[in-house]
Structure formats: structure tokens, C-alpha cells
């Protein structure tokens, strides 16, 4: 079985009358799989984003191609 590691990872700032939240999502479009986490702290959202980026094999990053 072939491994699919073509993750798309995004971070989005959401605002409303109460404050801001940050949504970090990773997904594999070919498989309709996604995972989303919501944070009140921008720092925590950045940490999650960086963790997911670090988990992508170097061969799949633009620098590794």
C-alpha cells in the first residue's frame, strides 16, 4: 500500500465581537481527510502549525523537490 503524505496545512485568524481565535487545519484533499484545532492563543496556534510542518517529510516540501 502506498503512503499518501500530501498534507495541506493552514492557519487562519477568526474574529468576532468577543475576540480572536486561530484555526489550524491540515488535510489530504485526495482522501477527504482533515484535522482542525482551534486556539485562543496565537502562540499556541503557531506551535501546532510548526509541529505539523515538521512532520511533513523533507521530500514533500518545496525545498526538497
PDB file of N, CA and C in Angstrom:
ATOM      1  N   UNK A   1       0.837  -1.181   0.000  1.00  0.00           N
ATOM      2  CA  UNK A   1       0.000   0.000   0.000  1.00  0.00           C
ATOM      3  C   UNK A   1       0.878   1.239   0.000  1.00  0.00           C
ATOM      4  N   UNK A   2       0.540   2.207  -0.844  1.00  0.00           N
ATOM      5  CA  UNK A   2       1.323   3.429  -0.963  1.00  0.00           C
ATOM      6  C   UNK A   2       0.901   4.452   0.083  1.00  0.00           C
ATOM      7  N   UNK A   3       1.873   5.096   0.673  1.00  0.00           N
ATOM      8  CA  UNK A   3       1.592   6.123   1.680  1.00  0.00           C
ATOM      9  C   UNK A   3       1.333   7.462   1.003  1.00  0.00           C
ATOM     10  N   UNK A   4       0.281   8.137   1.411  1.00  0.00           N
ATOM     11  CA  UNK A   4      -0.040   9.459   0.867  1.00  0.00           C
ATOM     12  C   UNK A   4       0.254  10.485   1.946  1.00  0.00           C
ATOM     13  N   UNK A   5       1.196  11.379   1.671  1.00  0.00           N
ATOM     14  CA  UNK A   5       1.580  12.398   2.649  1.00  0.00           C
ATOM     15  C   UNK A   5       1.483  13.797   2.060  1.00  0.00           C
ATOM     16  N   UNK A   6       0.533  14.051   1.199  1.00  0.00           N
ATOM     17  CA  UNK A   6       0.382  15.361   0.578  1.00  0.00           C
ATOM     18  C   UNK A   6      -0.516  16.249   1.429  1.00  0.00           C
ATOM     19  N   UNK A   7      -0.060  16.564   2.626  1.00  0.00           N
ATOM     20  CA  UNK A   7      -0.836  17.387   3.551  1.00  0.00           C
ATOM     21  C   UNK A   7      -0.851  18.837   3.087  1.00  0.00           C
ATOM     22  N   UNK A   8      -1.995  19.471   3.197  1.00  0.00           N
ATOM     23  CA  UNK A   8      -2.124  20.924   3.073  1.00  0.00           C
ATOM     24  C   UNK A   8      -2.337  21.427   4.490  1.00  0.00           C
ATOM     25  N   UNK A   9      -1.524  22.401   4.921  1.00  0.00           N
ATOM     26  CA  UNK A   9      -1.606  22.906   6.290  1.00  0.00           C
ATOM     27  C   UNK A   9      -1.851  24.405   6.233  1.00  0.00           C
ATOM     28  N   UNK A  10      -2.853  24.868   7.016  1.00  0.00           N
ATOM     29  CA  UNK A  10      -3.184  26.297   7.004  1.00  0.00           C
ATOM     30  C   UNK A  10      -3.447  26.797   8.422  1.00  0.00           C
ATOM     31  N   UNK A  11      -3.273  28.110   8.580  1.00  0.00           N
ATOM     32  CA  UNK A  11      -3.604  28.779   9.838  1.00  0.00           C
ATOM     33  C   UNK A  11      -4.413  30.023   9.473  1.00  0.00           C
ATOM     34  N   UNK A  12      -5.555  30.203  10.148  1.00  0.00           N
ATOM     35  CA  UNK A  12      -6.470  31.301   9.833  1.00  0.00           C
ATOM     36  C   UNK A  12      -6.869  32.002  11.133  1.00  0.00           C
ATOM     37  N   UNK A  13      -6.883  33.329  11.101  1.00  0.00           N
ATOM     38  CA  UNK A  13      -7.341  34.111  12.249  1.00  0.00           C
ATOM     39  C   UNK A  13      -8.833  34.384  12.087  1.00  0.00           C
ATOM     40  N   UNK A  14      -9.607  34.072  13.121  1.00  0.00           N
ATOM     41  CA  UNK A  14     -11.048  34.307  13.119  1.00  0.00           C
ATOM     42  C   UNK A  14     -11.361  35.393  14.145  1.00  0.00           C
ATOM     43  N   UNK A  15     -12.201  36.366  13.780  1.00  0.00           N
ATOM     44  CA  UNK A  15     -12.559  37.440  14.705  1.00  0.00           C
ATOM     45  C   UNK A  15     -14.067  37.527  14.852  1.00  0.00           C
ATOM     46  N   UNK A  16     -14.489  37.864  16.067  1.00  0.00           N
ATOM     47  CA  UNK A  16     -15.898  38.158  16.309  1.00  0.00           C
ATOM     48  C   UNK A  16     -15.968  39.244  17.382  1.00  0.00           C
ATOM     49  N   UNK A  17     -17.145  39.541  17.898  1.00  0.00           N
ATOM     50  CA  UNK A  17     -17.301  40.584  18.897  1.00  0.00           C
ATOM     51  C   UNK A  17     -16.609  40.292  20.212  1.00  0.00           C
ATOM     52  N   UNK A  18     -16.323  39.042  20.487  1.00  0.00           N
ATOM     53  CA  UNK A  18     -15.711  38.639  21.751  1.00  0.00           C
ATOM     54  C   UNK A  18     -14.195  38.706  21.694  1.00  0.00           C
ATOM     55  N   UNK A  19     -13.608  38.346  20.562  1.00  0.00           N
ATOM     56  CA  UNK A  19     -12.148  38.329  20.452  1.00  0.00           C
ATOM     57  C   UNK A  19     -11.696  37.587  19.216  1.00  0.00           C
ATOM     58  N   UNK A  20     -10.492  37.057  19.306  1.00  0.00           N
ATOM     59  CA  UNK A  20      -9.885  36.344  18.182  1.00  0.00           C
ATOM     60  C   UNK A  20      -9.642  34.892  18.543  1.00  0.00           C
ATOM     61  N   UNK A  21      -9.737  34.052  17.527  1.00  0.00           N
ATOM     62  CA  UNK A  21      -9.374  32.645  17.639  1.00  0.00           C
ATOM     63  C   UNK A  21      -8.552  32.308  16.413  1.00  0.00           C
ATOM     64  N   UNK A  22      -7.788  31.257  16.517  1.00  0.00           N
ATOM     65  CA  UNK A  22      -6.922  30.831  15.426  1.00  0.00           C
ATOM     66  C   UNK A  22      -7.229  29.381  15.092  1.00  0.00           C
ATOM     67  N   UNK A  23      -7.496  29.132  13.817  1.00  0.00           N
ATOM     68  CA  UNK A  23      -7.863  27.798  13.351  1.00  0.00           C
ATOM     69  C   UNK A  23      -6.694  27.231  12.547  1.00  0.00           C
ATOM     70  N   UNK A  24      -6.190  26.082  12.995  1.00  0.00           N
ATOM     71  CA  UNK A  24      -5.097  25.405  12.308  1.00  0.00           C
ATOM     72  C   UNK A  24      -5.663  24.099  11.745  1.00  0.00           C
ATOM     73  N   UNK A  25      -5.504  23.926  10.432  1.00  0.00           N
ATOM     74  CA  UNK A  25      -6.080  22.766   9.756  1.00  0.00           C
ATOM     75  C   UNK A  25      -5.017  22.084   8.897  1.00  0.00           C
ATOM     76  N   UNK A  26      -5.056  20.776   8.896  1.00  0.00           N
ATOM     77  CA  UNK A  26      -4.259  20.014   7.928  1.00  0.00           C
ATOM     78  C   UNK A  26      -5.212  19.037   7.254  1.00  0.00           C
ATOM     79  N   UNK A  27      -4.980  18.836   5.946  1.00  0.00           N
ATOM     80  CA  UNK A  27      -5.870  17.937   5.212  1.00  0.00           C
ATOM     81  C   UNK A  27      -5.147  17.275   4.059  1.00  0.00           C
ATOM     82  N   UNK A  28      -5.698  16.141   3.650  1.00  0.00           N
ATOM     83  CA  UNK A  28      -5.252  15.424   2.458  1.00  0.00           C
ATOM     84  C   UNK A  28      -6.445  15.462   1.505  1.00  0.00           C
ATOM     85  N   UNK A  29      -6.418  16.340   0.520  1.00  0.00           N
ATOM     86  CA  UNK A  29      -7.576  16.503  -0.372  1.00  0.00           C
ATOM     87  C   UNK A  29      -7.968  15.228  -1.122  1.00  0.00           C
ATOM     88  N   UNK A  30      -6.989  14.430  -1.531  1.00  0.00           N
ATOM     89  CA  UNK A  30      -7.278  13.230  -2.301  1.00  0.00           C
ATOM     90  C   UNK A  30      -8.089  12.211  -1.508  1.00  0.00           C
ATOM     91  N   UNK A  31      -8.018  12.286  -0.194  1.00  0.00           N
ATOM     92  CA  UNK A  31      -8.689  11.297   0.646  1.00  0.00           C
ATOM     93  C   UNK A  31      -9.832  11.895   1.464  1.00  0.00           C
ATOM     94  N   UNK A  32     -10.113  13.170   1.316  1.00  0.00           N
ATOM     95  CA  UNK A  32     -11.158  13.852   2.094  1.00  0.00           C
ATOM     96  C   UNK A  32     -10.960  13.665   3.595  1.00  0.00           C
ATOM     97  N   UNK A  33      -9.714  13.777   4.021  1.00  0.00           N
ATOM     98  CA  UNK A  33      -9.365  13.663   5.435  1.00  0.00           C
ATOM     99  C   UNK A  33      -8.850  15.014   5.908  1.00  0.00           C
ATOM    100  N   UNK A  34      -9.323  15.445   7.088  1.00  0.00           N
ATOM    101  CA  UNK A  34      -8.804  16.684   7.649  1.00  0.00           C
ATOM    102  C   UNK A  34      -8.823  16.628   9.169  1.00  0.00           C
ATOM    103  N   UNK A  35      -8.003  17.480   9.756  1.00  0.00           N
ATOM    104  CA  UNK A  35      -7.954  17.642  11.208  1.00  0.00           C
ATOM    105  C   UNK A  35      -7.844  19.131  11.475  1.00  0.00           C
ATOM    106  N   UNK A  36      -8.677  19.655  12.368  1.00  0.00           N
ATOM    107  CA  UNK A  36      -8.691  21.074  12.691  1.00  0.00           C
ATOM    108  C   UNK A  36      -8.605  21.253  14.194  1.00  0.00           C
ATOM    109  N   UNK A  37      -7.820  22.238  14.601  1.00  0.00           N
ATOM    110  CA  UNK A  37      -7.724  22.606  16.012  1.00  0.00           C
ATOM    111  C   UNK A  37      -7.934  24.114  16.114  1.00  0.00           C
ATOM    112  N   UNK A  38      -8.650  24.541  17.166  1.00  0.00           N
ATOM    113  CA  UNK A  38      -8.946  25.947  17.398  1.00  0.00           C
ATOM    114  C   UNK A  38      -8.211  26.392  18.662  1.00  0.00           C
ATOM    115  N   UNK A  39      -7.572  27.560  18.591  1.00  0.00           N
ATOM    116  CA  UNK A  39      -6.809  28.090  19.719  1.00  0.00           C
ATOM    117  C   UNK A  39      -7.206  29.535  19.988  1.00  0.00           C
ATOM    118  N   UNK A  40      -7.187  29.934  21.250  1.00  0.00           N
ATOM    119  CA  UNK A  40      -7.372  31.342  21.620  1.00  0.00           C
ATOM    120  C   UNK A  40      -6.030  32.073  21.569  1.00  0.00           C
ATOM    121  N   UNK A  41      -4.954  31.335  21.757  1.00  0.00           N
ATOM    122  CA  UNK A  41      -3.614  31.911  21.775  1.00  0.00           C
ATOM    123  C   UNK A  41      -2.961  31.788  20.394  1.00  0.00           C
ATOM    124  N   UNK A  42      -2.480  32.907  19.881  1.00  0.00           N
ATOM    125  CA  UNK A  42      -1.784  32.898  18.590  1.00  0.00           C
ATOM    126  C   UNK A  42      -0.503  32.063  18.694  1.00  0.00           C
ATOM    127  N   UNK A  43       0.177  32.153  19.836  1.00  0.00           N
ATOM    128  CA  UNK A  43       1.407  31.399  20.039  1.00  0.00           C
ATOM    129  C   UNK A  43       1.159  29.897  19.998  1.00  0.00           C
ATOM    130  N   UNK A  44       0.102  29.437  20.664  1.00  0.00           N
ATOM    131  CA  UNK A  44      -0.225  28.001  20.652  1.00  0.00           C
ATOM    132  C   UNK A  44      -0.582  27.540  19.245  1.00  0.00           C
ATOM    133  N   UNK A  45      -1.311  28.377  18.494  1.00  0.00           N
ATOM    134  CA  UNK A  45      -1.663  28.040  17.111  1.00  0.00           C
ATOM    135  C   UNK A  45      -0.406  27.918  16.258  1.00  0.00           C
ATOM    136  N   UNK A  46       0.527  28.845  16.427  1.00  0.00           N
ATOM    137  CA  UNK A  46       1.787  28.792  15.677  1.00  0.00           C
ATOM    138  C   UNK A  46       2.578  27.529  16.021  1.00  0.00           C
ATOM    139  N   UNK A  47       2.580  27.171  17.306  1.00  0.00           N
ATOM    140  CA  UNK A  47       3.292  25.958  17.719  1.00  0.00           C
ATOM    141  C   UNK A  47       2.701  24.718  17.061  1.00  0.00           C
ATOM    142  N   UNK A  48       1.369  24.635  17.003  1.00  0.00           N
ATOM    143  CA  UNK A  48       0.715  23.497  16.349  1.00  0.00           C
ATOM    144  C   UNK A  48       1.045  23.475  14.861  1.00  0.00           C
ATOM    145  N   UNK A  49       0.977  24.643  14.210  1.00  0.00           N
ATOM    146  CA  UNK A  49       1.304  24.769  12.795  1.00  0.00           C
ATOM    147  C   UNK A  49       2.727  24.265  12.541  1.00  0.00           C
ATOM    148  N   UNK A  50       3.676  24.732  13.346  1.00  0.00           N
ATOM    149  CA  UNK A  50       5.081  24.330  13.183  1.00  0.00           C
ATOM    150  C   UNK A  50       5.270  22.840  13.434  1.00  0.00           C
ATOM    151  N   UNK A  51       4.539  22.296  14.393  1.00  0.00           N
ATOM    152  CA  UNK A  51       4.630  20.855  14.672  1.00  0.00           C
ATOM    153  C   UNK A  51       4.176  20.052  13.454  1.00  0.00           C
ATOM    154  N   UNK A  52       3.061  20.461  12.854  1.00  0.00           N
ATOM    155  CA  UNK A  52       2.565  19.747  11.682  1.00  0.00           C
ATOM    156  C   UNK A  52       3.495  19.932  10.483  1.00  0.00           C
ATOM    157  N   UNK A  53       4.054  21.120  10.309  1.00  0.00           N
ATOM    158  CA  UNK A  53       5.010  21.353   9.213  1.00  0.00           C
ATOM    159  C   UNK A  53       6.225  20.439   9.392  1.00  0.00           C
ATOM    160  N   UNK A  54       6.708  20.325  10.620  1.00  0.00           N
ATOM    161  CA  UNK A  54       7.881  19.495  10.903  1.00  0.00           C
ATOM    162  C   UNK A  54       7.614  18.019  10.633  1.00  0.00           C
ATOM    163  N   UNK A  55       6.353  17.598  10.694  1.00  0.00           N
ATOM    164  CA  UNK A  55       6.033  16.184  10.481  1.00  0.00           C
ATOM    165  C   UNK A  55       5.945  15.812   9.006  1.00  0.00           C
ATOM    166  N   UNK A  56       5.988  16.796   8.108  1.00  0.00           N
ATOM    167  CA  UNK A  56       5.952  16.532   6.665  1.00  0.00           C
ATOM    168  C   UNK A  56       7.359  16.118   6.228  1.00  0.00           C
ATOM    169  N   UNK A  57       7.507  14.983   5.567  1.00  0.00           N
ATOM    170  CA  UNK A  57       8.832  14.561   5.105  1.00  0.00           C
ATOM    171  C   UNK A  57       9.474  15.613   4.201  1.00  0.00           C
ATOM    172  N   UNK A  58      10.786  15.786   4.319  1.00  0.00           N
ATOM    173  CA  UNK A  58      11.509  16.804   3.547  1.00  0.00           C
ATOM    174  C   UNK A  58      11.303  16.655   2.047  1.00  0.00           C
ATOM    175  N   UNK A  59      11.107  15.445   1.576  1.00  0.00           N
ATOM    176  CA  UNK A  59      10.935  15.214   0.140  1.00  0.00           C
ATOM    177  C   UNK A  59       9.625  15.813  -0.374  1.00  0.00           C
ATOM    178  N   UNK A  60       8.692  16.139   0.524  1.00  0.00           N
ATOM    179  CA  UNK A  60       7.420  16.698   0.100  1.00  0.00           C
ATOM    180  C   UNK A  60       7.344  18.206   0.252  1.00  0.00           C
ATOM    181  N   UNK A  61       8.357  18.836   0.822  1.00  0.00           N
ATOM    182  CA  UNK A  61       8.382  20.284   0.960  1.00  0.00           C
ATOM    183  C   UNK A  61       8.896  20.902  -0.332  1.00  0.00           C
ATOM    184  N   UNK A  62       8.565  22.163  -0.605  1.00  0.00           N
ATOM    185  CA  UNK A  62       9.061  22.800  -1.842  1.00  0.00           C
ATOM    186  C   UNK A  62      10.584  22.767  -1.938  1.00  0.00           C
ATOM    187  N   UNK A  63      11.289  22.884  -0.807  1.00  0.00           N
ATOM    188  CA  UNK A  63      12.756  22.863  -0.837  1.00  0.00           C
ATOM    189  C   UNK A  63      13.302  21.490  -1.181  1.00  0.00           C
ATOM    190  N   UNK A  64      12.537  20.427  -0.833  1.00  0.00           N
ATOM    191  CA  UNK A  64      13.000  19.061  -1.053  1.00  0.00           C
ATOM    192  C   UNK A  64      12.679  18.504  -2.410  1.00  0.00           C
ATOM    193  N   UNK A  65      11.911  19.222  -3.199  1.00  0.00           N
ATOM    194  CA  UNK A  65      11.530  18.721  -4.534  1.00  0.00           C
ATOM    195  C   UNK A  65      12.539  19.043  -5.573  1.00  0.00           C
TER     196      UNK A  65
END
